[in-house]
Amino acid sequence: MKTFLALYMAPVESFAEWMKMPPEQQKSGMEAWTTWMQEHERSFVEEGAQLGTTTRVTAEGVSDVKNEIGGYSIVQAASAKDAVKIFDDSPHLQMSGAWVELMECLPMPSP
């Protein structure tokens, strides 16, 4: 099995809209998320988490920035095609302009 990092992406404005939704609508969305996670639980190495504010650290200094990453998960699948299938019915894709980015986690090279 291969391991993949899944990043839950959407425009910054879409995440802001989600936070303004009435609590009952947010609850409904989270129930759909929980059901989807349970349906695919064998694929998840780590359920992951929502992500908060971003601090960028560079050689020139530190700054607060905004990005389009709302959360992450780590999944396992036989191939990238199989990893994509896990997210075909993800509730995250119901958010305006949302997408999921998948990247295979490769082993660190030996020294």
Protein backbone atom coordinates (compact mmCIF):
# COMPACT_ATOMS: atom_id res chain seq x y z
CA MET A 1 0.00 0.00 0.00
CA LYS A 2 1.06 3.55 -0.72
CA THR A 3 0.42 6.49 1.59
CA PHE A 4 -1.07 9.79 0.40
CA LEU A 5 -1.46 13.22 1.96
CA ALA A 6 -4.88 14.69 1.19
CA LEU A 7 -5.29 18.45 1.43
CA TYR A 8 -8.84 19.79 1.59
CA MET A 9 -8.76 22.97 -0.46
CA ALA A 10 -11.21 25.79 -1.22
CA PRO A 11 -11.10 29.51 -1.87
CA VAL A 12 -10.57 31.51 1.34
CA GLU A 13 -14.01 33.06 0.83
CA SER A 14 -15.67 29.62 0.83
CA PHE A 15 -14.18 28.78 4.22
CA ALA A 16 -15.37 32.15 5.53
CA GLU A 17 -18.90 31.41 4.24
CA TRP A 18 -18.85 28.02 6.00
CA MET A 19 -17.98 29.68 9.32
CA LYS A 20 -20.96 32.06 8.92
CA MET A 21 -23.50 29.25 8.35
CA PRO A 22 -26.10 28.66 11.05
CA PRO A 23 -25.03 26.03 13.60
CA GLU A 24 -27.67 23.53 12.44
CA GLN A 25 -26.34 23.74 8.85
CA GLN A 26 -22.76 23.27 10.09
CA LYS A 27 -23.92 20.30 12.16
CA SER A 28 -25.56 18.72 9.11
CA GLY A 29 -22.34 19.15 7.14
CA MET A 30 -20.28 17.59 9.91
CA GLU A 31 -22.70 14.64 10.14
CA ALA A 32 -22.22 14.03 6.39
CA TRP A 33 -18.45 14.25 6.95
CA THR A 34 -18.57 11.74 9.82
CA THR A 35 -20.66 9.30 7.77
CA TRP A 36 -18.26 9.58 4.82
CA MET A 37 -15.24 9.03 7.08
CA GLN A 38 -16.85 5.93 8.59
CA GLU A 39 -17.60 4.54 5.12
CA HIS A 40 -13.91 4.87 4.20
CA GLU A 41 -12.35 4.26 7.63
CA ARG A 42 -10.17 1.37 6.42
CA SER A 43 -8.39 3.77 4.03
CA PHE A 44 -7.53 6.41 6.61
CA VAL A 45 -4.15 6.17 8.31
CA GLU A 46 -4.91 9.45 10.07
CA GLU A 47 -8.23 11.27 9.94
CA GLY A 48 -6.34 14.55 10.11
CA ALA A 49 -7.76 17.87 11.23
CA GLN A 50 -9.02 21.26 10.20
CA LEU A 51 -6.23 23.81 9.96
CA GLY A 52 -6.08 27.25 11.53
CA THR A 53 -4.20 30.40 10.68
CA THR A 54 -0.97 30.22 8.71
CA THR A 55 2.40 31.66 9.68
CA ARG A 56 5.02 31.74 6.92
CA VAL A 57 8.66 31.48 7.97
CA THR A 58 11.32 32.45 5.41
CA ALA A 59 14.96 33.49 5.52
CA GLU A 60 13.66 37.08 5.34
CA GLY A 61 11.33 36.78 8.32
CA VAL A 62 7.93 35.70 9.58
CA SER A 63 4.50 36.79 8.31
CA ASP A 64 0.86 35.84 8.69
CA VAL A 65 -0.64 34.69 5.38
CA LYS A 66 -3.87 33.18 4.07
CA ASN A 67 -4.02 30.09 1.89
CA GLU A 68 -6.62 27.75 0.47
CA ILE A 69 -5.84 24.75 2.72
CA GLY A 70 -8.65 23.94 5.14
CA GLY A 71 -7.50 20.59 6.48
CA TYR A 72 -5.67 17.37 5.81
CA SER A 73 -5.91 13.59 6.09
CA ILE A 74 -3.52 10.73 5.42
CA VAL A 75 -4.88 7.77 3.48
CA GLN A 76 -3.53 4.53 2.12
CA ALA A 77 -4.34 2.99 -1.25
CA ALA A 78 -2.77 0.62 -3.75
CA SER A 79 -2.32 3.42 -6.30
CA ALA A 80 -2.99 7.10 -6.94
CA LYS A 81 -6.10 6.08 -8.93
CA ASP A 82 -7.41 4.15 -5.93
CA ALA A 83 -6.67 7.10 -3.64
CA VAL A 84 -8.72 9.36 -5.92
CA LYS A 85 -11.69 6.98 -5.63
CA ILE A 86 -11.76 7.53 -1.84
CA PHE A 87 -12.58 11.21 -2.41
CA ASP A 88 -15.10 10.86 -5.27
CA ASP A 89 -17.99 11.26 -2.83
CA SER A 90 -16.31 13.48 -0.23
CA PRO A 91 -18.69 16.00 1.38
CA HIS A 92 -15.86 18.53 1.14
CA LEU A 93 -16.53 18.75 -2.60
CA GLN A 94 -19.98 20.20 -1.85
CA MET A 95 -18.34 23.44 -0.65
CA SER A 96 -18.28 26.18 -3.28
CA GLY A 97 -15.14 25.88 -5.42
CA ALA A 98 -13.66 23.09 -3.27
CA TRP A 99 -11.15 20.45 -4.34
CA VAL A 100 -8.86 17.84 -2.78
CA GLU A 101 -5.15 17.61 -3.59
CA LEU A 102 -3.51 14.20 -3.20
CA MET A 103 0.23 13.68 -2.95
CA GLU A 104 2.02 10.38 -2.46
CA CYS A 105 4.18 10.34 0.66
CA LEU A 106 7.60 9.11 -0.42
CA PRO A 107 10.24 7.61 1.86
CA MET A 108 13.11 9.86 2.88
CA PRO A 109 16.32 9.04 0.99
CA SER A 110 18.99 7.32 3.01
CA PRO A 111 22.13 9.34 3.75
